[in-house]
Amino acid sequence: MKRGIQNLLRVCGITAGAAMLCLGVYREETEAILHKAVKICLECIGIG
């Protein structure tokens, strides 16, 4: 693949990720995601 196309795909991926992050913050989903992350982490180490 040409270098220009690779760079374009990288920029598109980063832009899409940033847009999804902003959408989640806008929809106030940060608390739910944090709660799920803590629950998964505690299950992995065997506490939860």
PDB file of N, CA and C in Angstrom:
ATOM      1  N   MET A   1       0.846  -1.167   0.000  1.00  0.00           N
ATOM      2  CA  MET A   1       0.000   0.000   0.000  1.00  0.00           C
ATOM      3  C   MET A   1       0.899   1.241   0.000  1.00  0.00           C
ATOM      4  N   LYS A   2       0.464   2.268  -0.655  1.00  0.00           N
ATOM      5  CA  LYS A   2       1.267   3.481  -0.724  1.00  0.00           C
ATOM      6  C   LYS A   2       1.232   4.218   0.608  1.00  0.00           C
ATOM      7  N   ARG A   3       2.287   4.940   0.840  1.00  0.00           N
ATOM      8  CA  ARG A   3       2.438   5.652   2.107  1.00  0.00           C
ATOM      9  C   ARG A   3       1.319   6.668   2.340  1.00  0.00           C
ATOM     10  N   GLY A   4       0.892   7.346   1.283  1.00  0.00           N
ATOM     11  CA  GLY A   4      -0.163   8.345   1.405  1.00  0.00           C
ATOM     12  C   GLY A   4      -1.485   7.735   1.836  1.00  0.00           C
ATOM     13  N   ILE A   5      -1.804   6.576   1.284  1.00  0.00           N
ATOM     14  CA  ILE A   5      -3.047   5.898   1.640  1.00  0.00           C
ATOM     15  C   ILE A   5      -2.999   5.429   3.087  1.00  0.00           C
ATOM     16  N   GLN A   6      -1.852   4.912   3.529  1.00  0.00           N
ATOM     17  CA  GLN A   6      -1.703   4.476   4.918  1.00  0.00           C
ATOM     18  C   GLN A   6      -1.909   5.642   5.876  1.00  0.00           C
ATOM     19  N   ASN A   7      -1.305   6.778   5.552  1.00  0.00           N
ATOM     20  CA  ASN A   7      -1.467   7.952   6.405  1.00  0.00           C
ATOM     21  C   ASN A   7      -2.913   8.420   6.438  1.00  0.00           C
ATOM     22  N   LEU A   8      -3.586   8.383   5.296  1.00  0.00           N
ATOM     23  CA  LEU A   8      -4.991   8.779   5.244  1.00  0.00           C
ATOM     24  C   LEU A   8      -5.845   7.857   6.110  1.00  0.00           C
ATOM     25  N   LEU A   9      -5.595   6.547   6.031  1.00  0.00           N
ATOM     26  CA  LEU A   9      -6.348   5.602   6.851  1.00  0.00           C
ATOM     27  C   LEU A   9      -6.091   5.822   8.346  1.00  0.00           C
ATOM     28  N   ARG A  10      -4.870   6.134   8.693  1.00  0.00           N
ATOM     29  CA  ARG A  10      -4.554   6.414  10.097  1.00  0.00           C
ATOM     30  C   ARG A  10      -5.306   7.643  10.604  1.00  0.00           C
ATOM     31  N   VAL A  11      -5.290   8.694   9.793  1.00  0.00           N
ATOM     32  CA  VAL A  11      -5.981   9.926  10.179  1.00  0.00           C
ATOM     33  C   VAL A  11      -7.484   9.678  10.295  1.00  0.00           C
ATOM     34  N   CYS A  12      -8.044   8.912   9.364  1.00  0.00           N
ATOM     35  CA  CYS A  12      -9.477   8.585   9.421  1.00  0.00           C
ATOM     36  C   CYS A  12      -9.798   7.774  10.669  1.00  0.00           C
ATOM     37  N   GLY A  13      -8.944   6.831  11.018  1.00  0.00           N
ATOM     38  CA  GLY A  13      -9.159   6.023  12.217  1.00  0.00           C
ATOM     39  C   GLY A  13      -9.091   6.843  13.483  1.00  0.00           C
ATOM     40  N   ILE A  14      -8.109   7.718  13.568  1.00  0.00           N
ATOM     41  CA  ILE A  14      -7.979   8.578  14.747  1.00  0.00           C
ATOM     42  C   ILE A  14      -9.161   9.537  14.847  1.00  0.00           C
ATOM     43  N   THR A  15      -9.584  10.074  13.722  1.00  0.00           N
ATOM     44  CA  THR A  15     -10.724  10.995  13.708  1.00  0.00           C
ATOM     45  C   THR A  15     -12.008  10.281  14.131  1.00  0.00           C
ATOM     46  N   ALA A  16     -12.206   9.078  13.630  1.00  0.00           N
ATOM     47  CA  ALA A  16     -13.406   8.309  14.006  1.00  0.00           C
ATOM     48  C   ALA A  16     -13.378   7.976  15.494  1.00  0.00           C
ATOM     49  N   GLY A  17     -12.229   7.598  16.009  1.00  0.00           N
ATOM     50  CA  GLY A  17     -12.111   7.294  17.440  1.00  0.00           C
ATOM     51  C   GLY A  17     -12.396   8.508  18.302  1.00  0.00           C
ATOM     52  N   ALA A  18     -11.857   9.654  17.911  1.00  0.00           N
ATOM     53  CA  ALA A  18     -12.098  10.885  18.664  1.00  0.00           C
ATOM     54  C   ALA A  18     -13.577  11.271  18.615  1.00  0.00           C
ATOM     55  N   ALA A  19     -14.200  11.075  17.451  1.00  0.00           N
ATOM     56  CA  ALA A  19     -15.624  11.400  17.320  1.00  0.00           C
ATOM     57  C   ALA A  19     -16.468  10.499  18.223  1.00  0.00           C
ATOM     58  N   MET A  20     -16.137   9.205  18.279  1.00  0.00           N
ATOM     59  CA  MET A  20     -16.888   8.288  19.142  1.00  0.00           C
ATOM     60  C   MET A  20     -16.681   8.625  20.625  1.00  0.00           C
ATOM     61  N   LEU A  21     -15.471   9.018  20.979  1.00  0.00           N
ATOM     62  CA  LEU A  21     -15.188   9.422  22.355  1.00  0.00           C
ATOM     63  C   LEU A  21     -16.013  10.649  22.728  1.00  0.00           C
ATOM     64  N   CYS A  22     -16.040  11.640  21.846  1.00  0.00           N
ATOM     65  CA  CYS A  22     -16.822  12.850  22.099  1.00  0.00           C
ATOM     66  C   CYS A  22     -18.313  12.547  22.173  1.00  0.00           C
ATOM     67  N   LEU A  23     -18.792  11.646  21.332  1.00  0.00           N
ATOM     68  CA  LEU A  23     -20.202  11.264  21.358  1.00  0.00           C
ATOM     69  C   LEU A  23     -20.561  10.597  22.686  1.00  0.00           C
ATOM     70  N   GLY A  24     -19.688   9.740  23.183  1.00  0.00           N
ATOM     71  CA  GLY A  24     -19.942   9.096  24.465  1.00  0.00           C
ATOM     72  C   GLY A  24     -19.968  10.082  25.618  1.00  0.00           C
ATOM     73  N   VAL A  25     -19.076  11.055  25.592  1.00  0.00           N
ATOM     74  CA  VAL A  25     -19.068  12.092  26.632  1.00  0.00           C
ATOM     75  C   VAL A  25     -20.321  12.951  26.516  1.00  0.00           C
ATOM     76  N   TYR A  26     -20.708  13.286  25.296  1.00  0.00           N
ATOM     77  CA  TYR A  26     -21.910  14.091  25.073  1.00  0.00           C
ATOM     78  C   TYR A  26     -23.158  13.380  25.598  1.00  0.00           C
ATOM     79  N   ARG A  27     -23.208  12.061  25.415  1.00  0.00           N
ATOM     80  CA  ARG A  27     -24.366  11.286  25.871  1.00  0.00           C
ATOM     81  C   ARG A  27     -24.268  10.902  27.347  1.00  0.00           C
ATOM     82  N   GLU A  28     -23.231  11.387  28.021  1.00  0.00           N
ATOM     83  CA  GLU A  28     -23.008  11.182  29.454  1.00  0.00           C
ATOM     84  C   GLU A  28     -22.925   9.703  29.815  1.00  0.00           C
ATOM     85  N   GLU A  29     -22.170   8.937  29.030  1.00  0.00           N
ATOM     86  CA  GLU A  29     -21.999   7.517  29.270  1.00  0.00           C
ATOM     87  C   GLU A  29     -20.722   7.203  30.040  1.00  0.00           C
ATOM     88  N   THR A  30     -20.006   8.232  30.473  1.00  0.00           N
ATOM     89  CA  THR A  30     -18.705   8.004  31.119  1.00  0.00           C
ATOM     90  C   THR A  30     -18.838   7.233  32.425  1.00  0.00           C
ATOM     91  N   GLU A  31     -19.865   7.521  33.211  1.00  0.00           N
ATOM     92  CA  GLU A  31     -20.042   6.831  34.485  1.00  0.00           C
ATOM     93  C   GLU A  31     -20.344   5.346  34.277  1.00  0.00           C
ATOM     94  N   ALA A  32     -21.162   5.033  33.295  1.00  0.00           N
ATOM     95  CA  ALA A  32     -21.498   3.637  33.011  1.00  0.00           C
ATOM     96  C   ALA A  32     -20.271   2.862  32.538  1.00  0.00           C
ATOM     97  N   ILE A  33     -19.460   3.482  31.698  1.00  0.00           N
ATOM     98  CA  ILE A  33     -18.255   2.825  31.190  1.00  0.00           C
ATOM     99  C   ILE A  33     -17.260   2.604  32.314  1.00  0.00           C
ATOM    100  N   LEU A  34     -17.092   3.594  33.183  1.00  0.00           N
ATOM    101  CA  LEU A  34     -16.181   3.444  34.321  1.00  0.00           C
ATOM    102  C   LEU A  34     -16.653   2.320  35.237  1.00  0.00           C
ATOM    103  N   HIS A  35     -17.948   2.243  35.492  1.00  0.00           N
ATOM    104  CA  HIS A  35     -18.498   1.185  36.344  1.00  0.00           C
ATOM    105  C   HIS A  35     -18.224  -0.198  35.743  1.00  0.00           C
ATOM    106  N   LYS A  36     -18.428  -0.336  34.449  1.00  0.00           N
ATOM    107  CA  LYS A  36     -18.162  -1.619  33.776  1.00  0.00           C
ATOM    108  C   LYS A  36     -16.684  -1.968  33.808  1.00  0.00           C
ATOM    109  N   ALA A  37     -15.822  -0.978  33.617  1.00  0.00           N
ATOM    110  CA  ALA A  37     -14.377  -1.222  33.620  1.00  0.00           C
ATOM    111  C   ALA A  37     -13.907  -1.684  35.000  1.00  0.00           C
ATOM    112  N   VAL A  38     -14.408  -1.063  36.044  1.00  0.00           N
ATOM    113  CA  VAL A  38     -14.031  -1.462  37.403  1.00  0.00           C
ATOM    114  C   VAL A  38     -14.514  -2.873  37.689  1.00  0.00           C
ATOM    115  N   LYS A  39     -15.732  -3.190  37.280  1.00  0.00           N
ATOM    116  CA  LYS A  39     -16.291  -4.520  37.509  1.00  0.00           C
ATOM    117  C   LYS A  39     -15.467  -5.592  36.798  1.00  0.00           C
ATOM    118  N   ILE A  40     -15.101  -5.343  35.544  1.00  0.00           N
ATOM    119  CA  ILE A  40     -14.290  -6.299  34.783  1.00  0.00           C
ATOM    120  C   ILE A  40     -12.933  -6.474  35.440  1.00  0.00           C
ATOM    121  N   CYS A  41     -12.317  -5.367  35.869  1.00  0.00           N
ATOM    122  CA  CYS A  41     -10.994  -5.423  36.478  1.00  0.00           C
ATOM    123  C   CYS A  41     -11.036  -6.235  37.769  1.00  0.00           C
ATOM    124  N   LEU A  42     -12.042  -6.013  38.585  1.00  0.00           N
ATOM    125  CA  LEU A  42     -12.141  -6.744  39.844  1.00  0.00           C
ATOM    126  C   LEU A  42     -12.416  -8.218  39.602  1.00  0.00           C
ATOM    127  N   GLU A  43     -13.170  -8.551  38.557  1.00  0.00           N
ATOM    128  CA  GLU A  43     -13.421  -9.957  38.228  1.00  0.00           C
ATOM    129  C   GLU A  43     -12.148 -10.643  37.763  1.00  0.00           C
ATOM    130  N   CYS A  44     -11.306  -9.912  37.028  1.00  0.00           N
ATOM    131  CA  CYS A  44     -10.070 -10.507  36.518  1.00  0.00           C
ATOM    132  C   CYS A  44      -9.116 -10.892  37.640  1.00  0.00           C
ATOM    133  N   ILE A  45      -9.069 -10.089  38.689  1.00  0.00           N
ATOM    134  CA  ILE A  45      -8.145 -10.406  39.778  1.00  0.00           C
ATOM    135  C   ILE A  45      -8.805 -11.251  40.863  1.00  0.00           C
ATOM    136  N   GLY A  46     -10.085 -11.564  40.677  1.00  0.00           N
ATOM    137  CA  GLY A  46     -10.754 -12.512  41.551  1.00  0.00           C
ATOM    138  C   GLY A  46     -11.395 -11.906  42.786  1.00  0.00           C
ATOM    139  N   ILE A  47     -11.577 -10.609  42.831  1.00  0.00           N
ATOM    140  CA  ILE A  47     -12.198  -9.980  44.002  1.00  0.00           C
ATOM    141  C   ILE A  47     -13.713  -9.888  43.824  1.00  0.00           C
ATOM    142  N   GLY A  48     -14.141  -9.553  42.616  1.00  0.00           N
ATOM    143  CA  GLY A  48     -15.569  -9.276  42.383  1.00  0.00           C
ATOM    144  C   GLY A  48     -16.257 -10.483  41.937  1.00  0.00           C
TER     145      GLY A  48
END
